[in-house]
Amino acid sequence: MDARAAEEVETGVKKRGRKPQEPNPAPVLEAKANVTDPASRIMKTRGGYVQGYNGQAVVTEEQIILAAEITLARRTT
């Protein structure tokens, strides 16, 4: 963050986008973990949130399954 501020002062041009914020060192009280299935993730759906996996499938025009795989949703925050 200091490097960003120094670059803005040096160039005289403000950077686009939101300014980064310092991470909060305190744990989030509403954070949850699934102890029975730690590989699954909380995923957003039309009806709310579910605990699950992201399934991917490849099929032909005749709906014959060629490949299927379960992938994990990666958290970015």
PDB file of N, CA and C in Angstrom:
ATOM      1  N   MET A   1       0.825  -1.178   0.000  1.00  0.00           N
ATOM      2  CA  MET A   1       0.000   0.000   0.000  1.00  0.00           C
ATOM      3  C   MET A   1       0.874   1.248   0.000  1.00  0.00           C
ATOM      4  N   ASP A   2       1.986   1.166   0.695  1.00  0.00           N
ATOM      5  CA  ASP A   2       2.899   2.304   0.707  1.00  0.00           C
ATOM      6  C   ASP A   2       3.504   2.508  -0.674  1.00  0.00           C
ATOM      7  N   ALA A   3       3.791   1.397  -1.364  1.00  0.00           N
ATOM      8  CA  ALA A   3       4.363   1.489  -2.706  1.00  0.00           C
ATOM      9  C   ALA A   3       3.369   2.136  -3.658  1.00  0.00           C
ATOM     10  N   ARG A   4       2.089   1.814  -3.502  1.00  0.00           N
ATOM     11  CA  ARG A   4       1.057   2.416  -4.357  1.00  0.00           C
ATOM     12  C   ARG A   4       1.001   3.923  -4.126  1.00  0.00           C
ATOM     13  N   ALA A   5       0.989   4.327  -2.851  1.00  0.00           N
ATOM     14  CA  ALA A   5       0.933   5.754  -2.529  1.00  0.00           C
ATOM     15  C   ALA A   5       2.171   6.473  -3.055  1.00  0.00           C
ATOM     16  N   ALA A   6       3.340   5.841  -2.912  1.00  0.00           N
ATOM     17  CA  ALA A   6       4.575   6.451  -3.402  1.00  0.00           C
ATOM     18  C   ALA A   6       4.542   6.596  -4.920  1.00  0.00           C
ATOM     19  N   GLU A   7       3.995   5.590  -5.605  1.00  0.00           N
ATOM     20  CA  GLU A   7       3.912   5.662  -7.070  1.00  0.00           C
ATOM     21  C   GLU A   7       2.960   6.766  -7.510  1.00  0.00           C
ATOM     22  N   GLU A   8       1.849   6.934  -6.790  1.00  0.00           N
ATOM     23  CA  GLU A   8       0.906   8.001  -7.118  1.00  0.00           C
ATOM     24  C   GLU A   8       1.551   9.369  -6.941  1.00  0.00           C
ATOM     25  N   VAL A   9       2.328   9.532  -5.864  1.00  0.00           N
ATOM     26  CA  VAL A   9       3.002  10.810  -5.621  1.00  0.00           C
ATOM     27  C   VAL A   9       4.063  11.043  -6.693  1.00  0.00           C
ATOM     28  N   GLU A  10       4.795   9.994  -7.037  1.00  0.00           N
ATOM     29  CA  GLU A  10       5.880  10.107  -8.012  1.00  0.00           C
ATOM     30  C   GLU A  10       5.364  10.468  -9.403  1.00  0.00           C
ATOM     31  N   THR A  11       4.296   9.814  -9.832  1.00  0.00           N
ATOM     32  CA  THR A  11       3.766  10.061 -11.181  1.00  0.00           C
ATOM     33  C   THR A  11       2.793  11.228 -11.226  1.00  0.00           C
ATOM     34  N   GLY A  12       2.192  11.564 -10.087  1.00  0.00           N
ATOM     35  CA  GLY A  12       1.205  12.630 -10.067  1.00  0.00           C
ATOM     36  C   GLY A  12      -0.154  12.194 -10.585  1.00  0.00           C
ATOM     37  N   VAL A  13      -0.323  10.887 -10.793  1.00  0.00           N
ATOM     38  CA  VAL A  13      -1.580  10.343 -11.314  1.00  0.00           C
ATOM     39  C   VAL A  13      -2.113   9.327 -10.317  1.00  0.00           C
ATOM     40  N   LYS A  14      -3.404   9.473  -9.976  1.00  0.00           N
ATOM     41  CA  LYS A  14      -4.009   8.502  -9.068  1.00  0.00           C
ATOM     42  C   LYS A  14      -4.267   7.204  -9.809  1.00  0.00           C
ATOM     43  N   LYS A  15      -4.033   6.077  -9.131  1.00  0.00           N
ATOM     44  CA  LYS A  15      -4.310   4.766  -9.722  1.00  0.00           C
ATOM     45  C   LYS A  15      -5.803   4.525  -9.754  1.00  0.00           C
ATOM     46  N   ARG A  16      -6.237   3.763 -10.747  1.00  0.00           N
ATOM     47  CA  ARG A  16      -7.651   3.433 -10.878  1.00  0.00           C
ATOM     48  C   ARG A  16      -8.034   2.342  -9.886  1.00  0.00           C
ATOM     49  N   GLY A  17      -9.334   2.245  -9.597  1.00  0.00           N
ATOM     50  CA  GLY A  17      -9.843   1.178  -8.747  1.00  0.00           C
ATOM     51  C   GLY A  17      -9.827   1.562  -7.275  1.00  0.00           C
ATOM     52  N   ARG A  18     -10.309   0.632  -6.489  1.00  0.00           N
ATOM     53  CA  ARG A  18     -10.349   0.852  -5.040  1.00  0.00           C
ATOM     54  C   ARG A  18      -8.961   0.810  -4.443  1.00  0.00           C
ATOM     55  N   LYS A  19      -8.786   1.607  -3.432  1.00  0.00           N
ATOM     56  CA  LYS A  19      -7.518   1.567  -2.710  1.00  0.00           C
ATOM     57  C   LYS A  19      -7.517   0.330  -1.827  1.00  0.00           C
ATOM     58  N   PRO A  20      -6.399  -0.379  -1.745  1.00  0.00           N
ATOM     59  CA  PRO A  20      -6.347  -1.570  -0.893  1.00  0.00           C
ATOM     60  C   PRO A  20      -6.479  -1.181   0.573  1.00  0.00           C
ATOM     61  N   GLN A  21      -7.065  -2.086   1.342  1.00  0.00           N
ATOM     62  CA  GLN A  21      -7.229  -1.859   2.771  1.00  0.00           C
ATOM     63  C   GLN A  21      -6.340  -2.820   3.541  1.00  0.00           C
ATOM     64  N   GLU A  22      -5.957  -2.399   4.728  1.00  0.00           N
ATOM     65  CA  GLU A  22      -5.171  -3.262   5.604  1.00  0.00           C
ATOM     66  C   GLU A  22      -6.015  -4.470   5.988  1.00  0.00           C
ATOM     67  N   PRO A  23      -5.451  -5.678   5.986  1.00  0.00           N
ATOM     68  CA  PRO A  23      -6.225  -6.843   6.415  1.00  0.00           C
ATOM     69  C   PRO A  23      -6.557  -6.754   7.898  1.00  0.00           C
ATOM     70  N   ASN A  24      -7.732  -7.256   8.248  1.00  0.00           N
ATOM     71  CA  ASN A  24      -8.172  -7.255   9.629  1.00  0.00           C
ATOM     72  C   ASN A  24      -7.543  -8.448  10.340  1.00  0.00           C
ATOM     73  N   PRO A  25      -6.686  -8.226  11.356  1.00  0.00           N
ATOM     74  CA  PRO A  25      -6.016  -9.353  12.023  1.00  0.00           C
ATOM     75  C   PRO A  25      -6.946 -10.188  12.888  1.00  0.00           C
ATOM     76  N   ALA A  26      -8.104  -9.653  13.272  1.00  0.00           N
ATOM     77  CA  ALA A  26      -9.032 -10.395  14.120  1.00  0.00           C
ATOM     78  C   ALA A  26      -9.839 -11.382  13.267  1.00  0.00           C
ATOM     79  N   PRO A  27     -10.064 -12.598  13.756  1.00  0.00           N
ATOM     80  CA  PRO A  27     -10.855 -13.554  12.985  1.00  0.00           C
ATOM     81  C   PRO A  27     -12.309 -13.099  12.874  1.00  0.00           C
ATOM     82  N   VAL A  28     -12.940 -13.460  11.773  1.00  0.00           N
ATOM     83  CA  VAL A  28     -14.334 -13.116  11.549  1.00  0.00           C
ATOM     84  C   VAL A  28     -15.201 -14.040  12.408  1.00  0.00           C
ATOM     85  N   LEU A  29     -16.076 -13.459  13.210  1.00  0.00           N
ATOM     86  CA  LEU A  29     -16.873 -14.258  14.128  1.00  0.00           C
ATOM     87  C   LEU A  29     -17.872 -15.147  13.403  1.00  0.00           C
ATOM     88  N   GLU A  30     -18.371 -14.717  12.238  1.00  0.00           N
ATOM     89  CA  GLU A  30     -19.339 -15.539  11.533  1.00  0.00           C
ATOM     90  C   GLU A  30     -18.687 -16.548  10.579  1.00  0.00           C
ATOM     91  N   ALA A  31     -17.360 -16.650  10.582  1.00  0.00           N
ATOM     92  CA  ALA A  31     -16.670 -17.622   9.746  1.00  0.00           C
ATOM     93  C   ALA A  31     -17.037 -19.037  10.204  1.00  0.00           C
ATOM     94  N   LYS A  32     -17.246 -19.920   9.224  1.00  0.00           N
ATOM     95  CA  LYS A  32     -17.654 -21.280   9.536  1.00  0.00           C
ATOM     96  C   LYS A  32     -16.762 -22.262   8.801  1.00  0.00           C
ATOM     97  N   ALA A  33     -16.624 -23.435   9.371  1.00  0.00           N
ATOM     98  CA  ALA A  33     -15.879 -24.509   8.737  1.00  0.00           C
ATOM     99  C   ALA A  33     -16.666 -25.798   8.906  1.00  0.00           C
ATOM    100  N   ASN A  34     -16.657 -26.633   7.894  1.00  0.00           N
ATOM    101  CA  ASN A  34     -17.332 -27.914   7.966  1.00  0.00           C
ATOM    102  C   ASN A  34     -16.304 -28.948   8.422  1.00  0.00           C
ATOM    103  N   VAL A  35     -16.414 -29.427   9.652  1.00  0.00           N
ATOM    104  CA  VAL A  35     -15.432 -30.355  10.192  1.00  0.00           C
ATOM    105  C   VAL A  35     -15.655 -31.784   9.696  1.00  0.00           C
ATOM    106  N   THR A  36     -16.864 -32.102   9.208  1.00  0.00           N
ATOM    107  CA  THR A  36     -17.117 -33.459   8.719  1.00  0.00           C
ATOM    108  C   THR A  36     -16.703 -33.641   7.268  1.00  0.00           C
ATOM    109  N   ASP A  37     -16.651 -32.554   6.489  1.00  0.00           N
ATOM    110  CA  ASP A  37     -16.241 -32.633   5.092  1.00  0.00           C
ATOM    111  C   ASP A  37     -15.463 -31.366   4.729  1.00  0.00           C
ATOM    112  N   PRO A  38     -14.199 -31.273   5.157  1.00  0.00           N
ATOM    113  CA  PRO A  38     -13.442 -30.042   4.925  1.00  0.00           C
ATOM    114  C   PRO A  38     -13.145 -29.762   3.452  1.00  0.00           C
ATOM    115  N   ALA A  39     -13.304 -30.749   2.568  1.00  0.00           N
ATOM    116  CA  ALA A  39     -13.032 -30.520   1.153  1.00  0.00           C
ATOM    117  C   ALA A  39     -14.169 -29.760   0.470  1.00  0.00           C
ATOM    118  N   SER A  40     -15.373 -29.780   1.048  1.00  0.00           N
ATOM    119  CA  SER A  40     -16.497 -29.071   0.429  1.00  0.00           C
ATOM    120  C   SER A  40     -16.430 -27.590   0.769  1.00  0.00           C
ATOM    121  N   ARG A  41     -17.179 -26.798   0.014  1.00  0.00           N
ATOM    122  CA  ARG A  41     -17.184 -25.351   0.201  1.00  0.00           C
ATOM    123  C   ARG A  41     -18.618 -24.840   0.288  1.00  0.00           C
ATOM    124  N   ILE A  42     -18.791 -23.664   0.888  1.00  0.00           N
ATOM    125  CA  ILE A  42     -20.094 -23.006   0.900  1.00  0.00           C
ATOM    126  C   ILE A  42     -20.215 -22.264  -0.426  1.00  0.00           C
ATOM    127  N   MET A  43     -21.274 -22.580  -1.176  1.00  0.00           N
ATOM    128  CA  MET A  43     -21.462 -21.998  -2.501  1.00  0.00           C
ATOM    129  C   MET A  43     -22.783 -21.252  -2.582  1.00  0.00           C
ATOM    130  N   LYS A  44     -22.769 -20.160  -3.326  1.00  0.00           N
ATOM    131  CA  LYS A  44     -23.967 -19.350  -3.497  1.00  0.00           C
ATOM    132  C   LYS A  44     -24.829 -19.947  -4.600  1.00  0.00           C
ATOM    133  N   THR A  45     -26.137 -20.053  -4.341  1.00  0.00           N
ATOM    134  CA  THR A  45     -27.091 -20.522  -5.345  1.00  0.00           C
ATOM    135  C   THR A  45     -28.211 -19.500  -5.468  1.00  0.00           C
ATOM    136  N   ARG A  46     -29.149 -19.765  -6.375  1.00  0.00           N
ATOM    137  CA  ARG A  46     -30.294 -18.865  -6.517  1.00  0.00           C
ATOM    138  C   ARG A  46     -31.104 -18.796  -5.235  1.00  0.00           C
ATOM    139  N   GLY A  47     -31.187 -19.904  -4.522  1.00  0.00           N
ATOM    140  CA  GLY A  47     -32.006 -19.974  -3.315  1.00  0.00           C
ATOM    141  C   GLY A  47     -31.255 -19.691  -2.028  1.00  0.00           C
ATOM    142  N   GLY A  48     -30.027 -19.265  -2.103  1.00  0.00           N
ATOM    143  CA  GLY A  48     -29.243 -18.996  -0.894  1.00  0.00           C
ATOM    144  C   GLY A  48     -27.865 -19.614  -0.998  1.00  0.00           C
ATOM    145  N   TYR A  49     -27.451 -20.299   0.046  1.00  0.00           N
ATOM    146  CA  TYR A  49     -26.131 -20.926   0.084  1.00  0.00           C
ATOM    147  C   TYR A  49     -26.266 -22.407   0.402  1.00  0.00           C
ATOM    148  N   VAL A  50     -25.382 -23.224  -0.162  1.00  0.00           N
ATOM    149  CA  VAL A  50     -25.363 -24.651   0.119  1.00  0.00           C
ATOM    150  C   VAL A  50     -23.920 -25.081   0.367  1.00  0.00           C
ATOM    151  N   GLN A  51     -23.756 -26.154   1.110  1.00  0.00           N
ATOM    152  CA  GLN A  51     -22.447 -26.760   1.325  1.00  0.00           C
ATOM    153  C   GLN A  51     -22.283 -27.819   0.253  1.00  0.00           C
ATOM    154  N   GLY A  52     -21.286 -27.698  -0.624  1.00  0.00           N
ATOM    155  CA  GLY A  52     -21.180 -28.682  -1.690  1.00  0.00           C
ATOM    156  C   GLY A  52     -19.909 -28.566  -2.500  1.00  0.00           C
ATOM    157  N   TYR A  53     -19.974 -29.163  -3.668  1.00  0.00           N
ATOM    158  CA  TYR A  53     -18.860 -29.214  -4.609  1.00  0.00           C
ATOM    159  C   TYR A  53     -19.305 -28.613  -5.932  1.00  0.00           C
ATOM    160  N   ASN A  54     -18.359 -28.353  -6.804  1.00  0.00           N
ATOM    161  CA  ASN A  54     -18.641 -27.866  -8.139  1.00  0.00           C
ATOM    162  C   ASN A  54     -18.413 -29.029  -9.099  1.00  0.00           C
ATOM    163  N   GLY A  55     -19.473 -29.533  -9.699  1.00  0.00           N
ATOM    164  CA  GLY A  55     -19.362 -30.650 -10.626  1.00  0.00           C
ATOM    165  C   GLY A  55     -19.309 -30.171 -12.064  1.00  0.00           C
ATOM    166  N   GLN A  56     -18.411 -30.749 -12.848  1.00  0.00           N
ATOM    167  CA  GLN A  56     -18.262 -30.421 -14.260  1.00  0.00           C
ATOM    168  C   GLN A  56     -18.476 -31.686 -15.076  1.00  0.00           C
ATOM    169  N   ALA A  57     -19.188 -31.583 -16.183  1.00  0.00           N
ATOM    170  CA  ALA A  57     -19.413 -32.745 -17.053  1.00  0.00           C
ATOM    171  C   ALA A  57     -19.290 -32.340 -18.509  1.00  0.00           C
ATOM    172  N   VAL A  58     -18.803 -33.271 -19.321  1.00  0.00           N
ATOM    173  CA  VAL A  58     -18.720 -33.090 -20.765  1.00  0.00           C
ATOM    174  C   VAL A  58     -19.600 -34.160 -21.388  1.00  0.00           C
ATOM    175  N   VAL A  59     -20.545 -33.736 -22.237  1.00  0.00           N
ATOM    176  CA  VAL A  59     -21.472 -34.686 -22.862  1.00  0.00           C
ATOM    177  C   VAL A  59     -21.513 -34.457 -24.361  1.00  0.00           C
ATOM    178  N   THR A  60     -21.979 -35.485 -25.078  1.00  0.00           N
ATOM    179  CA  THR A  60     -22.173 -35.373 -26.520  1.00  0.00           C
ATOM    180  C   THR A  60     -23.546 -34.775 -26.788  1.00  0.00           C
ATOM    181  N   GLU A  61     -23.859 -34.535 -28.055  1.00  0.00           N
ATOM    182  CA  GLU A  61     -25.185 -34.032 -28.413  1.00  0.00           C
ATOM    183  C   GLU A  61     -26.272 -35.023 -28.034  1.00  0.00           C
ATOM    184  N   GLU A  62     -25.922 -36.303 -27.959  1.00  0.00           N
ATOM    185  CA  GLU A  62     -26.889 -37.343 -27.583  1.00  0.00           C
ATOM    186  C   GLU A  62     -26.971 -37.510 -26.062  1.00  0.00           C
ATOM    187  N   GLN A  63     -26.347 -36.627 -25.323  1.00  0.00           N
ATOM    188  CA  GLN A  63     -26.342 -36.637 -23.861  1.00  0.00           C
ATOM    189  C   GLN A  63     -25.619 -37.849 -23.269  1.00  0.00           C
ATOM    190  N   ILE A  64     -24.576 -38.307 -23.943  1.00  0.00           N
ATOM    191  CA  ILE A  64     -23.719 -39.366 -23.424  1.00  0.00           C
ATOM    192  C   ILE A  64     -22.567 -38.699 -22.686  1.00  0.00           C
ATOM    193  N   ILE A  65     -22.352 -39.101 -21.444  1.00  0.00           N
ATOM    194  CA  ILE A  65     -21.314 -38.482 -20.627  1.00  0.00           C
ATOM    195  C   ILE A  65     -19.945 -38.966 -21.092  1.00  0.00           C
ATOM    196  N   LEU A  66     -19.078 -38.027 -21.451  1.00  0.00           N
ATOM    197  CA  LEU A  66     -17.720 -38.348 -21.870  1.00  0.00           C
ATOM    198  C   LEU A  66     -16.727 -38.202 -20.721  1.00  0.00           C
ATOM    199  N   ALA A  67     -16.943 -37.220 -19.879  1.00  0.00           N
ATOM    200  CA  ALA A  67     -16.046 -36.985 -18.743  1.00  0.00           C
ATOM    201  C   ALA A  67     -16.808 -36.267 -17.652  1.00  0.00           C
ATOM    202  N   ALA A  68     -16.438 -36.544 -16.413  1.00  0.00           N
ATOM    203  CA  ALA A  68     -17.032 -35.860 -15.265  1.00  0.00           C
ATOM    204  C   ALA A  68     -15.954 -35.660 -14.209  1.00  0.00           C
ATOM    205  N   GLU A  69     -16.026 -34.537 -13.528  1.00  0.00           N
ATOM    206  CA  GLU A  69     -15.019 -34.230 -12.515  1.00  0.00           C
ATOM    207  C   GLU A  69     -15.634 -33.341 -11.451  1.00  0.00           C
ATOM    208  N   ILE A  70     -15.218 -33.545 -10.218  1.00  0.00           N
ATOM    209  CA  ILE A  70     -15.612 -32.678  -9.124  1.00  0.00           C
ATOM    210  C   ILE A  70     -14.443 -31.749  -8.825  1.00  0.00           C
ATOM    211  N   THR A  71     -14.716 -30.453  -8.818  1.00  0.00           N
ATOM    212  CA  THR A  71     -13.677 -29.477  -8.541  1.00  0.00           C
ATOM    213  C   THR A  71     -14.046 -28.672  -7.309  1.00  0.00           C
ATOM    214  N   LEU A  72     -13.049 -28.105  -6.673  1.00  0.00           N
ATOM    215  CA  LEU A  72     -13.285 -27.285  -5.497  1.00  0.00           C
ATOM    216  C   LEU A  72     -13.423 -25.835  -5.914  1.00  0.00           C
ATOM    217  N   ALA A  73     -14.327 -25.128  -5.264  1.00  0.00           N
ATOM    218  CA  ALA A  73     -14.452 -23.689  -5.466  1.00  0.00           C
ATOM    219  C   ALA A  73     -13.370 -23.035  -4.621  1.00  0.00           C
ATOM    220  N   ARG A  74     -12.521 -22.281  -5.231  1.00  0.00           N
ATOM    221  CA  ARG A  74     -11.423 -21.636  -4.507  1.00  0.00           C
ATOM    222  C   ARG A  74     -11.912 -20.329  -3.910  1.00  0.00           C
ATOM    223  N   ARG A  75     -11.499 -20.068  -2.692  1.00  0.00           N
ATOM    224  CA  ARG A  75     -11.847 -18.802  -2.046  1.00  0.00           C
ATOM    225  C   ARG A  75     -10.814 -17.754  -2.419  1.00  0.00           C
ATOM    226  N   THR A  76     -11.325 -16.584  -2.718  1.00  0.00           N
ATOM    227  CA  THR A  76     -10.417 -15.507  -3.096  1.00  0.00           C
ATOM    228  C   THR A  76     -10.228 -14.491  -1.995  1.00  0.00           C
ATOM    229  N   THR A  77     -11.009 -14.615  -0.965  1.00  0.00           N
ATOM    230  CA  THR A  77     -10.885 -13.670   0.137  1.00  0.00           C
ATOM    231  C   THR A  77     -10.556 -14.383   1.407  1.00  0.00           C
TER     232      THR A  77
END
